[in-house]
């Protein structure tokens, strides 16, 4: 019926947990690629290195940038730990807003 809300939609509106998308590239490949780039002298062209590894060049560039941020080499990006903390805080704020409106959190 039109205008009816299903139980699935209600769960979605309450912020039901969803599974993250699967990673396209294995974590081991990411770590190996970053390690190869960081230890290479002179530094390889990212686009060429990505082609050799069979990954998209922007994916490799992002992995390298994130590794630099995690190592303290970049001030313009959040570290992985900071990103995880921010995501957790955003979840808590979203749940607090739902409770304030009278909707219980999704995990109850």
Protein backbone atom coordinates (compact mmCIF):
# COMPACT_ATOMS: atom_id res chain seq x y z
CA UNK A 1 0.00 0.00 0.00
CA UNK A 2 1.09 3.48 -0.70
CA UNK A 3 2.19 5.45 2.35
CA UNK A 4 2.87 2.35 4.45
CA UNK A 5 6.31 1.92 5.97
CA UNK A 6 7.71 -1.61 6.05
CA UNK A 7 9.68 -3.02 8.96
CA UNK A 8 12.83 -3.02 6.79
CA UNK A 9 12.38 0.64 5.97
CA UNK A 10 11.79 1.44 9.61
CA UNK A 11 15.04 -0.29 10.55
CA UNK A 12 16.83 1.67 7.84
CA UNK A 13 15.36 4.96 9.07
CA UNK A 14 16.51 4.21 12.60
CA UNK A 15 20.11 3.87 11.39
CA UNK A 16 20.29 0.09 11.12
CA UNK A 17 23.83 -1.18 10.76
CA UNK A 18 24.86 -2.17 7.27
CA UNK A 19 27.89 -4.12 6.22
CA UNK A 20 30.67 -2.13 4.57
CA UNK A 21 31.42 -2.81 0.94
CA UNK A 22 34.06 -5.49 0.42
CA UNK A 23 37.53 -4.21 -0.31
CA UNK A 24 38.48 -4.40 -3.94
CA UNK A 25 42.15 -5.04 -3.18
CA UNK A 26 43.46 -7.32 -0.42
CA UNK A 27 45.09 -5.64 2.57
CA UNK A 28 48.33 -7.56 1.91
CA UNK A 29 48.55 -6.05 -1.59
CA UNK A 30 48.01 -2.57 -0.21
CA UNK A 31 50.71 -3.00 2.42
CA UNK A 32 53.18 -4.50 -0.06
CA UNK A 33 52.55 -1.74 -2.60
CA UNK A 34 53.10 1.02 -0.05
CA UNK A 35 56.24 -0.70 1.25
CA UNK A 36 57.59 -1.04 -2.30
CA UNK A 37 56.97 2.63 -3.00
CA UNK A 38 58.50 3.84 0.26
CA UNK A 39 61.67 1.76 -0.10
CA UNK A 40 62.26 2.52 -3.79
CA UNK A 41 64.97 5.00 -4.75
CA UNK A 42 64.39 7.01 -6.81
CA UNK A 43 60.65 7.15 -6.17
CA UNK A 44 58.76 5.41 -8.99
CA UNK A 45 56.02 7.06 -11.02
CA UNK A 46 52.82 6.06 -9.23
CA UNK A 47 50.87 5.53 -12.43
CA UNK A 48 53.50 3.13 -13.83
CA UNK A 49 53.90 1.29 -10.53
CA UNK A 50 50.11 0.88 -10.28
CA UNK A 51 49.99 -0.59 -13.78
CA UNK A 52 52.73 -3.07 -12.84
CA UNK A 53 50.78 -4.11 -9.73
CA UNK A 54 47.44 -4.25 -11.53
CA UNK A 55 45.75 -1.62 -9.37
CA UNK A 56 44.19 1.73 -10.17
CA UNK A 57 46.70 4.57 -9.87
CA UNK A 58 44.43 6.68 -7.65
CA UNK A 59 43.98 3.74 -5.28
CA UNK A 60 47.76 3.42 -4.96
CA UNK A 61 48.14 7.18 -4.53
CA UNK A 62 45.54 7.15 -1.73
CA UNK A 63 47.22 4.20 0.02
CA UNK A 64 50.56 6.02 -0.05
CA UNK A 65 49.04 9.26 1.24
CA UNK A 66 47.23 7.43 4.06
CA UNK A 67 50.42 5.59 5.05
CA UNK A 68 52.26 8.93 5.16
CA UNK A 69 49.51 10.40 7.37
CA UNK A 70 49.62 7.39 9.69
CA UNK A 71 53.40 7.77 9.98
CA UNK A 72 53.03 11.45 10.92
CA UNK A 73 54.36 12.74 7.62
CA UNK A 74 51.21 14.64 6.59
CA UNK A 75 49.25 17.23 8.51
CA UNK A 76 46.54 17.65 5.86
CA UNK A 77 44.99 14.18 6.38
CA UNK A 78 43.51 12.36 9.35
CA UNK A 79 45.29 9.22 10.47
CA UNK A 80 43.45 5.89 10.22
CA UNK A 81 43.00 5.95 14.00
CA UNK A 82 41.53 9.47 13.87
CA UNK A 83 39.15 8.43 11.07
CA UNK A 84 37.92 5.48 13.13
CA UNK A 85 37.43 7.69 16.19
CA UNK A 86 35.53 10.27 14.13
CA UNK A 87 33.26 7.57 12.68
CA UNK A 88 32.54 6.24 16.19
CA UNK A 89 31.75 9.72 17.50
CA UNK A 90 29.42 10.37 14.56
CA UNK A 91 27.58 7.10 15.30
CA UNK A 92 27.20 8.10 18.94
CA UNK A 93 25.85 11.53 18.00
CA UNK A 94 23.39 9.97 15.52
CA UNK A 95 22.16 7.54 18.19
CA UNK A 96 21.86 10.33 20.77
CA UNK A 97 19.72 12.35 18.34
CA UNK A 98 17.47 9.34 17.77
CA UNK A 99 17.05 8.77 21.51
CA UNK A 100 16.25 12.45 22.00
CA UNK A 101 13.51 12.13 19.34
CA UNK A 102 12.11 9.07 21.10
CA UNK A 103 13.41 6.42 18.69
CA UNK A 104 15.49 3.66 20.29
CA UNK A 105 18.93 2.97 18.76
CA UNK A 106 19.05 0.28 16.05
CA UNK A 107 20.88 -2.27 18.21
CA UNK A 108 18.06 -2.54 20.78
